[in-house]
Amino acid sequence: MFDNFPLWPPQASSGAANVDALYVFLLLLSSFVCLAIFGLIVVFAVKYRRRPGVAAEQIEGSTPLELTWSIIPFFIFLFIFAWGAVIYFQERTPPRGATEVYVVAKQWMWKLQHEEGQREINELHVPVGRDVKLVMTSQDVIHSFYIPAFRIKQDVLPGRYTTAWFHAIKPGTYHLFCAEYCGTSHSGMIGEIVVMEPADYQAWLSGGPAVPLAVSGQKLFSEMGCSTCHRSDVQGRGPNLVGLFGKPVALEDGRTLTVDENYLRQCILNSRGQTVKGFPPIMPVFQGLLSEEQVNALVAYIKSLGILVPGQAVKTASATSQSEPKVQ
């Protein structure tokens, strides 16, 4: 409907039409109310103007009229709230099984890494017709990941993860912006989302050697000595990580938290205050020792343990190419 209208970018995601429909409804409703108010002002100004020799007449309030202009707007506002809430929860709830891409924002660029290991800068290749979840963090200040054609915008914060997702429906190249002022070169922090046909995407994906992100995380997990404490049996000095992601965990301070990306990130960097009940607080502090990309790899590896058969290991990095992922 709006693809040929210059004020709207193309509707290139499954959620774009819903966002546009709500926006147009609000625009039309606001225009109607504005015209109605100004029209009534003109009508009343003419009808009830001062006339020579005509005494003013006191007009008492009308209860039915006051109820009407109170109740009808109330239900209109409830309708707008419900419509907006549905769109909000749809946009903030990534579908199960969505392909994950890890994003690190940095003055002034976007660094992206696919689950398969491919790395990109200021460019993201995705297939049409597939759900894509973005797991994002900032290396310095607050940024905002904005794709107008997909109608998604999500702040990217230092020290934690935020997520967004989309389902591209049209092949093409679409603009990526930082929508939060982040410094002197903010206007240059731009990029492209390249939506490809599935066959073309698979050809691009296999265009260069890359180590899957979870495999890189497994290698780092071993190198940092994590496997000596986080064992898959009951002998470990740390909790068993197999199948932990997405599950509730009881902490020493009495709280119960669900293990998500932010919980894993916090535990990796500094587990103080996040100690699992029944285990001593001996986890080293890795804050400042790991890069954002290394933290992403560790999180991806721990998440991958949740989909493995107990006792089965992720394919080791030695079984894959050791070449650095190619920046497309």
C-alpha atoms as a PDB file:
ATOM      1  CA  MET A   1       0.000   0.000   0.000  1.00  0.00           C
ATOM      2  CA  PHE A   2       2.746   2.459   0.985  1.00  0.00           C
ATOM      3  CA  ASP A   3       5.629   1.133  -1.144  1.00  0.00           C
ATOM      4  CA  ASN A   4       5.156   3.881  -3.761  1.00  0.00           C
ATOM      5  CA  PHE A   5       4.481   6.632  -1.240  1.00  0.00           C
ATOM      6  CA  PRO A   6       7.710   8.627  -0.788  1.00  0.00           C
ATOM      7  CA  LEU A   7       7.167   9.350   2.908  1.00  0.00           C
ATOM      8  CA  TRP A   8       7.304   5.642   3.745  1.00  0.00           C
ATOM      9  CA  PRO A   9      10.249   3.263   3.316  1.00  0.00           C
ATOM     10  CA  PRO A  10       9.364  -0.117   1.769  1.00  0.00           C
ATOM     11  CA  GLN A  11       7.584  -2.665   3.933  1.00  0.00           C
ATOM     12  CA  ALA A  12      10.315  -5.307   3.936  1.00  0.00           C
ATOM     13  CA  SER A  13       9.495  -7.282   7.101  1.00  0.00           C
ATOM     14  CA  SER A  14       6.525  -9.245   8.351  1.00  0.00           C
ATOM     15  CA  GLY A  15       5.781  -6.683  11.066  1.00  0.00           C
ATOM     16  CA  ALA A  16       6.071  -3.531   8.968  1.00  0.00           C
ATOM     17  CA  ALA A  17       2.448  -3.511   7.761  1.00  0.00           C
ATOM     18  CA  ASN A  18       1.103  -3.711  11.328  1.00  0.00           C
ATOM     19  CA  VAL A  19       3.238  -0.779  12.456  1.00  0.00           C
ATOM     20  CA  ASP A  20       2.173   1.296   9.444  1.00  0.00           C
ATOM     21  CA  ALA A  21      -1.500   0.472   9.980  1.00  0.00           C
ATOM     22  CA  LEU A  22      -1.370   1.669  13.598  1.00  0.00           C
ATOM     23  CA  TYR A  23       0.522   4.805  12.573  1.00  0.00           C
ATOM     24  CA  VAL A  24      -1.975   5.657   9.814  1.00  0.00           C
ATOM     25  CA  PHE A  25      -4.886   5.046  12.198  1.00  0.00           C
ATOM     26  CA  LEU A  26      -3.376   7.437  14.756  1.00  0.00           C
ATOM     27  CA  LEU A  27      -2.666  10.000  12.030  1.00  0.00           C
ATOM     28  CA  LEU A  28      -6.236   9.869  10.695  1.00  0.00           C
ATOM     29  CA  LEU A  29      -7.750   9.913  14.184  1.00  0.00           C
ATOM     30  CA  SER A  30      -5.631  12.910  15.203  1.00  0.00           C
ATOM     31  CA  SER A  31      -6.523  14.733  11.981  1.00  0.00           C
ATOM     32  CA  PHE A  32     -10.236  14.060  12.507  1.00  0.00           C
ATOM     33  CA  VAL A  33     -10.157  15.295  16.116  1.00  0.00           C
ATOM     34  CA  CYS A  34      -8.143  18.378  15.127  1.00  0.00           C
ATOM     35  CA  LEU A  35     -10.540  19.287  12.299  1.00  0.00           C
ATOM     36  CA  ALA A  36     -13.575  18.597  14.490  1.00  0.00           C
ATOM     37  CA  ILE A  37     -12.304  20.856  17.277  1.00  0.00           C
ATOM     38  CA  PHE A  38     -11.400  23.740  14.972  1.00  0.00           C
ATOM     39  CA  GLY A  39     -14.665  23.287  13.057  1.00  0.00           C
ATOM     40  CA  LEU A  40     -16.700  23.469  16.237  1.00  0.00           C
ATOM     41  CA  ILE A  41     -14.778  26.560  17.353  1.00  0.00           C
ATOM     42  CA  VAL A  42     -15.714  28.309  14.101  1.00  0.00           C
ATOM     43  CA  VAL A  43     -19.351  27.164  14.295  1.00  0.00           C
ATOM     44  CA  PHE A  44     -19.757  28.226  17.918  1.00  0.00           C
ATOM     45  CA  ALA A  45     -17.981  31.534  17.316  1.00  0.00           C
ATOM     46  CA  VAL A  46     -20.461  32.366  14.555  1.00  0.00           C
ATOM     47  CA  LYS A  47     -23.584  30.965  16.200  1.00  0.00           C
ATOM     48  CA  TYR A  48     -23.022  32.410  19.649  1.00  0.00           C
ATOM     49  CA  ARG A  49     -21.379  35.683  18.702  1.00  0.00           C
ATOM     50  CA  ARG A  50     -22.425  38.865  20.500  1.00  0.00           C
ATOM     51  CA  ARG A  51     -25.390  40.569  18.814  1.00  0.00           C
ATOM     52  CA  PRO A  52     -26.553  44.113  19.566  1.00  0.00           C
ATOM     53  CA  GLY A  53     -29.735  44.132  21.617  1.00  0.00           C
ATOM     54  CA  VAL A  54     -29.652  40.374  22.300  1.00  0.00           C
ATOM     55  CA  ALA A  55     -29.041  39.377  25.913  1.00  0.00           C
ATOM     56  CA  ALA A  56     -26.691  36.505  26.600  1.00  0.00           C
ATOM     57  CA  GLU A  57     -28.352  33.256  27.640  1.00  0.00           C
ATOM     58  CA  GLN A  58     -26.906  30.967  30.281  1.00  0.00           C
ATOM     59  CA  ILE A  59     -26.515  27.430  28.958  1.00  0.00           C
ATOM     60  CA  GLU A  60     -26.352  24.680  31.553  1.00  0.00           C
ATOM     61  CA  GLY A  61     -24.185  21.575  31.098  1.00  0.00           C
ATOM     62  CA  SER A  62     -25.535  18.381  29.547  1.00  0.00           C
ATOM     63  CA  THR A  63     -24.870  15.167  31.455  1.00  0.00           C
ATOM     64  CA  PRO A  64     -25.512  12.877  28.422  1.00  0.00           C
ATOM     65  CA  LEU A  65     -23.138  14.994  26.318  1.00  0.00           C
ATOM     66  CA  GLU A  66     -20.404  14.935  28.957  1.00  0.00           C
ATOM     67  CA  LEU A  67     -20.754  11.156  29.358  1.00  0.00           C
ATOM     68  CA  THR A  68     -20.556  10.719  25.592  1.00  0.00           C
ATOM     69  CA  TRP A  69     -17.327  12.675  25.149  1.00  0.00           C
ATOM     70  CA  SER A  70     -15.818  10.902  28.151  1.00  0.00           C
ATOM     71  CA  ILE A  71     -16.824   7.302  27.453  1.00  0.00           C
ATOM     72  CA  ILE A  72     -16.219   7.206  23.689  1.00  0.00           C
ATOM     73  CA  PRO A  73     -12.628   8.560  23.896  1.00  0.00           C
ATOM     74  CA  PHE A  74     -11.963   6.200  26.809  1.00  0.00           C
ATOM     75  CA  PHE A  75     -12.745   3.167  24.668  1.00  0.00           C
ATOM     76  CA  ILE A  76     -10.845   4.630  21.715  1.00  0.00           C
ATOM     77  CA  PHE A  77      -7.757   5.004  23.938  1.00  0.00           C
ATOM     78  CA  LEU A  78      -8.190   1.442  25.234  1.00  0.00           C
ATOM     79  CA  PHE A  79      -8.367   0.214  21.645  1.00  0.00           C
ATOM     80  CA  ILE A  80      -5.183   2.112  20.744  1.00  0.00           C
ATOM     81  CA  PHE A  81      -3.429   0.728  23.833  1.00  0.00           C
ATOM     82  CA  ALA A  82      -4.447  -2.861  23.061  1.00  0.00           C
ATOM     83  CA  TRP A  83      -3.402  -2.540  19.406  1.00  0.00           C
ATOM     84  CA  GLY A  84      -0.049  -1.022  20.354  1.00  0.00           C
ATOM     85  CA  ALA A  85       0.529  -3.617  23.081  1.00  0.00           C
ATOM     86  CA  VAL A  86      -0.060  -6.482  20.641  1.00  0.00           C
ATOM     87  CA  ILE A  87       2.463  -5.016  18.185  1.00  0.00           C
ATOM     88  CA  TYR A  88       4.941  -4.334  20.997  1.00  0.00           C
ATOM     89  CA  PHE A  89       4.867  -7.882  22.345  1.00  0.00           C
ATOM     90  CA  GLN A  90       5.095  -9.306  18.835  1.00  0.00           C
ATOM     91  CA  GLU A  91       8.192  -7.200  18.170  1.00  0.00           C
ATOM     92  CA  ARG A  92       9.775  -8.007  21.546  1.00  0.00           C
ATOM     93  CA  THR A  93       9.202 -11.777  21.500  1.00  0.00           C
ATOM     94  CA  PRO A  94      11.578 -13.536  19.091  1.00  0.00           C
ATOM     95  CA  PRO A  95      10.146 -16.801  17.709  1.00  0.00           C
ATOM     96  CA  ARG A  96      11.690 -20.053  18.866  1.00  0.00           C
ATOM     97  CA  GLY A  97      14.333 -21.350  16.511  1.00  0.00           C
ATOM     98  CA  ALA A  98      15.221 -17.933  15.109  1.00  0.00           C
ATOM     99  CA  THR A  99      18.676 -17.615  13.576  1.00  0.00           C
ATOM    100  CA  GLU A 100      20.870 -15.624  15.957  1.00  0.00           C
ATOM    101  CA  VAL A 101      23.273 -12.862  14.997  1.00  0.00           C
ATOM    102  CA  TYR A 102      25.485 -11.222  17.642  1.00  0.00           C
ATOM    103  CA  VAL A 103      25.954  -7.482  17.254  1.00  0.00           C
ATOM    104  CA  VAL A 104      28.614  -5.325  18.906  1.00  0.00           C
ATOM    105  CA  ALA A 105      28.185  -1.572  18.489  1.00  0.00           C
ATOM    106  CA  LYS A 106      31.293   0.574  18.614  1.00  0.00           C
ATOM    107  CA  GLN A 107      32.072   4.180  17.799  1.00  0.00           C
ATOM    108  CA  TRP A 108      31.386   4.272  14.913  1.00  0.00           C
ATOM    109  CA  MET A 109      30.619   0.907  13.363  1.00  0.00           C
ATOM    110  CA  TRP A 110      28.481  -2.200  13.659  1.00  0.00           C
ATOM    111  CA  LYS A 111      30.320  -5.498  14.143  1.00  0.00           C
ATOM    112  CA  LEU A 112      28.174  -8.551  13.449  1.00  0.00           C
ATOM    113  CA  GLN A 113      28.810 -12.279  13.725  1.00  0.00           C
ATOM    114  CA  HIS A 114      26.604 -15.131  12.555  1.00  0.00           C
ATOM    115  CA  GLU A 115      26.117 -18.388  14.425  1.00  0.00           C
ATOM    116  CA  GLU A 116      27.996 -20.066  11.599  1.00  0.00           C
ATOM    117  CA  GLY A 117      30.992 -17.834  12.346  1.00  0.00           C
ATOM    118  CA  GLN A 118      30.920 -15.347   9.458  1.00  0.00           C
ATOM    119  CA  ARG A 119      31.799 -11.826  10.557  1.00  0.00           C
ATOM    120  CA  GLU A 120      30.680  -8.586   8.963  1.00  0.00           C
ATOM    121  CA  ILE A 121      31.178  -4.891   9.561  1.00  0.00           C
ATOM    122  CA  ASN A 122      28.368  -2.409   8.796  1.00  0.00           C
ATOM    123  CA  GLU A 123      26.657  -5.062   6.705  1.00  0.00           C
ATOM    124  CA  LEU A 124      24.375  -7.965   7.492  1.00  0.00           C
ATOM    125  CA  HIS A 125      23.420 -10.699   5.043  1.00  0.00           C
ATOM    126  CA  VAL A 126      20.221 -12.613   5.851  1.00  0.00           C
ATOM    127  CA  PRO A 127      17.925 -14.934   3.895  1.00  0.00           C
ATOM    128  CA  VAL A 128      14.396 -13.949   2.961  1.00  0.00           C
ATOM    129  CA  GLY A 129      11.646 -15.786   4.847  1.00  0.00           C
ATOM    130  CA  ARG A 130      13.641 -16.614   7.984  1.00  0.00           C
ATOM    131  CA  ASP A 131      13.311 -15.310  11.541  1.00  0.00           C
ATOM    132  CA  VAL A 132      16.502 -13.529  12.645  1.00  0.00           C
ATOM    133  CA  LYS A 133      17.205 -12.629  16.273  1.00  0.00           C
ATOM    134  CA  LEU A 134      19.765  -9.940  17.060  1.00  0.00           C
ATOM    135  CA  VAL A 135      21.646 -10.220  20.368  1.00  0.00           C
ATOM    136  CA  MET A 136      23.244  -6.809  20.801  1.00  0.00           C
ATOM    137  CA  THR A 137      25.607  -5.000  23.144  1.00  0.00           C
ATOM    138  CA  SER A 138      27.727  -1.858  23.002  1.00  0.00           C
ATOM    139  CA  GLN A 139      31.466  -1.601  23.467  1.00  0.00           C
ATOM    140  CA  ASP A 140      31.362   2.047  24.563  1.00  0.00           C
ATOM    141  CA  VAL A 141      28.249   4.289  24.631  1.00  0.00           C
ATOM    142  CA  ILE A 142      24.531   3.909  23.939  1.00  0.00           C
ATOM    143  CA  HIS A 143      23.698   3.257  20.291  1.00  0.00           C
ATOM    144  CA  SER A 144      20.412   2.392  18.588  1.00  0.00           C
ATOM    145  CA  PHE A 145      20.003  -0.268  15.889  1.00  0.00           C
ATOM    146  CA  TYR A 146      17.458   1.078  13.404  1.00  0.00           C
ATOM    147  CA  ILE A 147      16.210  -0.506  10.166  1.00  0.00           C
ATOM    148  CA  PRO A 148      13.418   1.721   8.782  1.00  0.00           C
ATOM    149  CA  ALA A 149      12.283  -0.809   6.156  1.00  0.00           C
ATOM    150  CA  PHE A 150      11.747  -3.405   8.904  1.00  0.00           C
ATOM    151  CA  ARG A 151      10.164  -0.890  11.317  1.00  0.00           C
ATOM    152  CA  ILE A 152      12.456  -1.967  14.149  1.00  0.00           C
ATOM    153  CA  LYS A 153      14.598   0.181  16.413  1.00  0.00           C
ATOM    154  CA  GLN A 154      16.324  -1.056  19.562  1.00  0.00           C
ATOM    155  CA  ASP A 155      18.748   0.709  21.881  1.00  0.00           C
ATOM    156  CA  VAL A 156      22.102  -1.048  22.218  1.00  0.00           C
ATOM    157  CA  LEU A 157      23.533  -0.584  25.711  1.00  0.00           C
ATOM    158  CA  PRO A 158      27.002  -1.055  27.201  1.00  0.00           C
ATOM    159  CA  GLY A 159      27.292  -3.746  29.840  1.00  0.00           C
ATOM    160  CA  ARG A 160      24.236  -5.783  28.882  1.00  0.00           C
ATOM    161  CA  TYR A 161      22.388  -7.427  26.010  1.00  0.00           C
ATOM    162  CA  THR A 162      19.290  -6.169  24.271  1.00  0.00           C
ATOM    163  CA  THR A 163      17.476  -8.124  21.593  1.00  0.00           C
ATOM    164  CA  ALA A 164      15.404  -7.474  18.493  1.00  0.00           C
ATOM    165  CA  TRP A 165      14.143  -9.690  15.709  1.00  0.00           C
ATOM    166  CA  PHE A 166      12.756  -9.481  12.196  1.00  0.00           C
ATOM    167  CA  HIS A 167      11.418 -11.666   9.411  1.00  0.00           C
ATOM    168  CA  ALA A 168      12.446 -10.248   6.039  1.00  0.00           C
ATOM    169  CA  ILE A 169       9.897 -10.764   3.267  1.00  0.00           C
ATOM    170  CA  LYS A 170      11.507  -8.968   0.307  1.00  0.00           C
ATOM    171  CA  PRO A 171      14.987  -9.462  -1.165  1.00  0.00           C
ATOM    172  CA  GLY A 172      16.931  -6.245  -1.461  1.00  0.00           C
ATOM    173  CA  THR A 173      19.352  -3.925   0.285  1.00  0.00           C
ATOM    174  CA  TYR A 174      18.026  -1.794   3.135  1.00  0.00           C
ATOM    175  CA  HIS A 175      19.478   1.023   5.206  1.00  0.00           C
ATOM    176  CA  LEU A 176      20.826   0.505   8.727  1.00  0.00           C
ATOM    177  CA  PHE A 177      21.254   3.527  10.977  1.00  0.00           C
ATOM    178  CA  CYS A 178      22.336   4.379  14.490  1.00  0.00           C
ATOM    179  CA  ALA A 179      19.356   6.343  15.812  1.00  0.00           C
ATOM    180  CA  GLU A 180      20.997   7.492  19.065  1.00  0.00           C
ATOM    181  CA  TYR A 181      23.545  10.321  19.048  1.00  0.00           C
ATOM    182  CA  CYS A 182      26.781   8.552  19.950  1.00  0.00           C
ATOM    183  CA  GLY A 183      29.561  11.042  19.223  1.00  0.00           C
ATOM    184  CA  THR A 184      31.127  13.194  16.562  1.00  0.00           C
ATOM    185  CA  SER A 185      30.842  10.631  13.752  1.00  0.00           C
ATOM    186  CA  HIS A 186      27.329   9.479  14.665  1.00  0.00           C
ATOM    187  CA  SER A 187      25.997  10.357  11.212  1.00  0.00           C
ATOM    188  CA  GLY A 188      28.545   8.018   9.644  1.00  0.00           C
ATOM    189  CA  MET A 189      27.486   5.005  11.704  1.00  0.00           C
ATOM    190  CA  ILE A 190      25.424   3.492   8.927  1.00  0.00           C
ATOM    191  CA  GLY A 191      25.250   0.156   7.174  1.00  0.00           C
ATOM    192  CA  GLU A 192      23.186  -2.163   5.007  1.00  0.00           C
ATOM    193  CA  ILE A 193      20.935  -5.150   5.510  1.00  0.00           C
ATOM    194  CA  VAL A 194      21.218  -7.416   2.464  1.00  0.00           C
ATOM    195  CA  VAL A 195      18.218  -9.737   2.165  1.00  0.00           C
ATOM    196  CA  MET A 196      18.922 -12.624  -0.192  1.00  0.00           C
ATOM    197  CA  GLU A 197      17.092 -15.588  -1.644  1.00  0.00           C
ATOM    198  CA  PRO A 198      17.807 -18.742   0.409  1.00  0.00           C
ATOM    199  CA  ALA A 199      19.998 -20.310  -2.288  1.00  0.00           C
ATOM    200  CA  ASP A 200      22.017 -17.113  -2.716  1.00  0.00           C
ATOM    201  CA  TYR A 201      22.401 -16.808   1.032  1.00  0.00           C
ATOM    202  CA  GLN A 202      23.718 -20.366   1.334  1.00  0.00           C
ATOM    203  CA  ALA A 203      26.211 -19.623  -1.427  1.00  0.00           C
ATOM    204  CA  TRP A 204      27.329 -16.479   0.413  1.00  0.00           C
ATOM    205  CA  LEU A 205      27.520 -18.374   3.708  1.00  0.00           C
ATOM    206  CA  SER A 206      29.825 -20.991   2.211  1.00  0.00           C
ATOM    207  CA  GLY A 207      31.974 -18.413   0.445  1.00  0.00           C
ATOM    208  CA  GLY A 208      34.790 -18.497   2.989  1.00  0.00           C
ATOM    209  CA  PRO A 209      36.098 -20.515   5.936  1.00  0.00           C
ATOM    210  CA  ALA A 210      34.589 -19.728   9.308  1.00  0.00           C
ATOM    211  CA  VAL A 211      34.535 -21.354  12.738  1.00  0.00           C
ATOM    212  CA  PRO A 212      31.013 -21.582  14.203  1.00  0.00           C
ATOM    213  CA  LEU A 213      30.546 -19.188  17.094  1.00  0.00           C
ATOM    214  CA  ALA A 214      29.685 -21.964  19.560  1.00  0.00           C
ATOM    215  CA  VAL A 215      32.835 -23.866  18.578  1.00  0.00           C
ATOM    216  CA  SER A 216      34.945 -20.752  19.170  1.00  0.00           C
ATOM    217  CA  GLY A 217      33.261 -20.461  22.545  1.00  0.00           C
ATOM    218  CA  GLN A 218      34.013 -24.086  23.383  1.00  0.00           C
ATOM    219  CA  LYS A 219      37.683 -23.562  22.572  1.00  0.00           C
ATOM    220  CA  LEU A 220      37.820 -20.438  24.732  1.00  0.00           C
ATOM    221  CA  PHE A 221      35.889 -22.242  27.484  1.00  0.00           C
ATOM    222  CA  SER A 222      38.644 -24.838  27.622  1.00  0.00           C
ATOM    223  CA  GLU A 223      41.518 -22.350  27.333  1.00  0.00           C
ATOM    224  CA  MET A 224      40.206 -20.232  30.221  1.00  0.00           C
ATOM    225  CA  GLY A 225      39.985 -23.310  32.464  1.00  0.00           C
ATOM    226  CA  CYS A 226      36.206 -23.143  32.779  1.00  0.00           C
ATOM    227  CA  SER A 227      35.835 -26.860  32.103  1.00  0.00           C
ATOM    228  CA  THR A 228      37.703 -27.765  35.303  1.00  0.00           C
ATOM    229  CA  CYS A 229      34.830 -26.440  37.435  1.00  0.00           C
ATOM    230  CA  HIS A 230      31.804 -26.603  35.143  1.00  0.00           C
ATOM    231  CA  ARG A 231      31.710 -30.331  34.556  1.00  0.00           C
ATOM    232  CA  SER A 232      28.795 -32.410  33.337  1.00  0.00           C
ATOM    233  CA  ASP A 233      28.912 -34.645  36.426  1.00  0.00           C
ATOM    234  CA  VAL A 234      28.264 -33.911  40.104  1.00  0.00           C
ATOM    235  CA  GLN A 235      31.971 -33.498  40.884  1.00  0.00           C
ATOM    236  CA  GLY A 236      32.294 -29.968  39.517  1.00  0.00           C
ATOM    237  CA  ARG A 237      32.858 -26.959  41.757  1.00  0.00           C
ATOM    238  CA  GLY A 238      30.513 -24.965  39.537  1.00  0.00           C
ATOM    239  CA  PRO A 239      27.006 -25.708  38.244  1.00  0.00           C
ATOM    240  CA  ASN A 240      26.503 -28.093  35.344  1.00  0.00           C
ATOM    241  CA  LEU A 241      25.847 -25.930  32.270  1.00  0.00           C
ATOM    242  CA  VAL A 242      24.268 -28.604  30.075  1.00  0.00           C
ATOM    243  CA  GLY A 243      20.623 -27.721  29.543  1.00  0.00           C
ATOM    244  CA  LEU A 244      20.880 -24.705  31.867  1.00  0.00           C
ATOM    245  CA  PHE A 245      19.917 -21.981  29.401  1.00  0.00           C
ATOM    246  CA  GLY A 246      16.281 -20.941  29.689  1.00  0.00           C
ATOM    247  CA  LYS A 247      15.817 -22.693  33.028  1.00  0.00           C
ATOM    248  CA  PRO A 248      15.174 -21.072  36.430  1.00  0.00           C
ATOM    249  CA  VAL A 249      18.106 -21.146  38.836  1.00  0.00           C
ATOM    250  CA  ALA A 250      18.112 -20.555  42.599  1.00  0.00           C
ATOM    251  CA  LEU A 251      20.774 -18.179  43.923  1.00  0.00           C
ATOM    252  CA  GLU A 252      22.473 -18.048  47.295  1.00  0.00           C
ATOM    253  CA  ASP A 253      20.682 -14.809  48.199  1.00  0.00           C
ATOM    254  CA  GLY A 254      17.281 -16.478  47.837  1.00  0.00           C
ATOM    255  CA  ARG A 255      16.366 -15.108  44.435  1.00  0.00           C
ATOM    256  CA  THR A 256      15.339 -17.258  41.493  1.00  0.00           C
ATOM    257  CA  LEU A 257      16.351 -16.063  38.034  1.00  0.00           C
ATOM    258  CA  THR A 258      15.839 -17.421  34.546  1.00  0.00           C
ATOM    259  CA  VAL A 259      19.097 -18.134  32.762  1.00  0.00           C
ATOM    260  CA  ASP A 260      19.171 -15.865  29.710  1.00  0.00           C
ATOM    261  CA  GLU A 261      21.906 -14.088  27.758  1.00  0.00           C
ATOM    262  CA  ASN A 262      22.234 -11.283  30.297  1.00  0.00           C
ATOM    263  CA  TYR A 263      22.509 -13.697  33.222  1.00  0.00           C
ATOM    264  CA  LEU A 264      25.255 -15.653  31.445  1.00  0.00           C
ATOM    265  CA  ARG A 265      27.076 -12.458  30.538  1.00  0.00           C
ATOM    266  CA  GLN A 266      27.017 -11.219  34.111  1.00  0.00           C
ATOM    267  CA  CYS A 267      28.207 -14.558  35.483  1.00  0.00           C
ATOM    268  CA  ILE A 268      31.062 -14.726  32.976  1.00  0.00           C
ATOM    269  CA  LEU A 269      32.357 -11.229  33.673  1.00  0.00           C
ATOM    270  CA  ASN A 270      31.641 -10.959  37.393  1.00  0.00           C
ATOM    271  CA  SER A 271      29.509 -13.559  39.137  1.00  0.00           C
ATOM    272  CA  ARG A 272      29.406 -11.731  42.475  1.00  0.00           C
ATOM    273  CA  GLY A 273      25.782 -11.620  43.563  1.00  0.00           C
ATOM    274  CA  GLN A 274      24.832 -14.276  40.992  1.00  0.00           C
ATOM    275  CA  THR A 275      26.238 -17.326  42.809  1.00  0.00           C
ATOM    276  CA  VAL A 276      24.124 -20.432  42.343  1.00  0.00           C
ATOM    277  CA  LYS A 277      22.823 -21.990  45.532  1.00  0.00           C
ATOM    278  CA  GLY A 278      24.974 -24.862  46.744  1.00  0.00           C
ATOM    279  CA  PHE A 279      28.193 -23.707  45.079  1.00  0.00           C
ATOM    280  CA  PRO A 280      31.032 -21.646  46.609  1.00  0.00           C
ATOM    281  CA  PRO A 281      31.651 -18.112  45.245  1.00  0.00           C
ATOM    282  CA  ILE A 282      35.004 -18.986  43.661  1.00  0.00           C
ATOM    283  CA  MET A 283      34.285 -17.871  40.084  1.00  0.00           C
ATOM    284  CA  PRO A 284      37.140 -15.589  38.874  1.00  0.00           C
ATOM    285  CA  VAL A 285      36.346 -12.089  37.642  1.00  0.00           C
ATOM    286  CA  PHE A 286      36.894 -11.827  33.880  1.00  0.00           C
ATOM    287  CA  GLN A 287      35.786  -8.199  33.566  1.00  0.00           C
ATOM    288  CA  GLY A 288      38.354  -6.444  31.387  1.00  0.00           C
ATOM    289  CA  LEU A 289      40.027  -9.715  30.371  1.00  0.00           C
ATOM    290  CA  LEU A 290      37.553 -10.744  27.674  1.00  0.00           C
ATOM    291  CA  SER A 291      36.483  -8.811  24.598  1.00  0.00           C
ATOM    292  CA  GLU A 292      32.813  -8.449  23.697  1.00  0.00           C
ATOM    293  CA  GLU A 293      33.306 -10.948  20.877  1.00  0.00           C
ATOM    294  CA  GLN A 294      34.782 -13.501  23.295  1.00  0.00           C
ATOM    295  CA  VAL A 295      31.877 -13.055  25.687  1.00  0.00           C
ATOM    296  CA  ASN A 296      29.488 -13.574  22.772  1.00  0.00           C
ATOM    297  CA  ALA A 297      31.281 -16.790  21.853  1.00  0.00           C
ATOM    298  CA  LEU A 298      31.095 -18.127  25.414  1.00  0.00           C
ATOM    299  CA  VAL A 299      27.406 -17.269  25.657  1.00  0.00           C
ATOM    300  CA  ALA A 300      26.720 -18.969  22.315  1.00  0.00           C
ATOM    301  CA  TYR A 301      28.588 -22.086  23.463  1.00  0.00           C
ATOM    302  CA  ILE A 302      26.712 -22.342  26.772  1.00  0.00           C
ATOM    303  CA  LYS A 303      23.414 -21.834  24.944  1.00  0.00           C
ATOM    304  CA  SER A 304      24.329 -24.617  22.524  1.00  0.00           C
ATOM    305  CA  LEU A 305      24.709 -27.038  25.451  1.00  0.00           C
ATOM    306  CA  GLY A 306      20.999 -26.765  26.055  1.00  0.00           C
ATOM    307  CA  ILE A 307      20.166 -28.463  22.779  1.00  0.00           C
ATOM    308  CA  LEU A 308      22.630 -31.337  23.084  1.00  0.00           C
ATOM    309  CA  VAL A 309      22.001 -34.849  24.244  1.00  0.00           C
ATOM    310  CA  PRO A 310      23.590 -35.201  27.721  1.00  0.00           C
ATOM    311  CA  GLY A 311      27.130 -36.464  27.327  1.00  0.00           C
ATOM    312  CA  GLN A 312      27.371 -35.270  23.736  1.00  0.00           C
ATOM    313  CA  ALA A 313      29.932 -32.557  23.030  1.00  0.00           C
ATOM    314  CA  VAL A 314      29.833 -29.770  20.531  1.00  0.00           C
ATOM    315  CA  LYS A 315      32.046 -30.448  17.521  1.00  0.00           C
ATOM    316  CA  THR A 316      35.485 -29.262  18.543  1.00  0.00           C
ATOM    317  CA  ALA A 317      37.268 -26.403  16.893  1.00  0.00           C
ATOM    318  CA  SER A 318      40.001 -28.773  15.760  1.00  0.00           C
ATOM    319  CA  ALA A 319      37.474 -30.475  13.530  1.00  0.00           C
ATOM    320  CA  THR A 320      36.815 -27.242  11.698  1.00  0.00           C
ATOM    321  CA  SER A 321      38.962 -24.755   9.888  1.00  0.00           C
ATOM    322  CA  GLN A 322      41.171 -22.674  12.132  1.00  0.00           C
ATOM    323  CA  SER A 323      41.153 -19.771   9.690  1.00  0.00           C
ATOM    324  CA  GLU A 324      39.805 -16.458  10.876  1.00  0.00           C
ATOM    325  CA  PRO A 325      36.222 -15.824   9.703  1.00  0.00           C
ATOM    326  CA  LYS A 326      36.139 -13.775   6.555  1.00  0.00           C
ATOM    327  CA  VAL A 327      34.799 -10.228   6.783  1.00  0.00           C
ATOM    328  CA  GLN A 328      32.352  -9.917   3.949  1.00  0.00           C
END
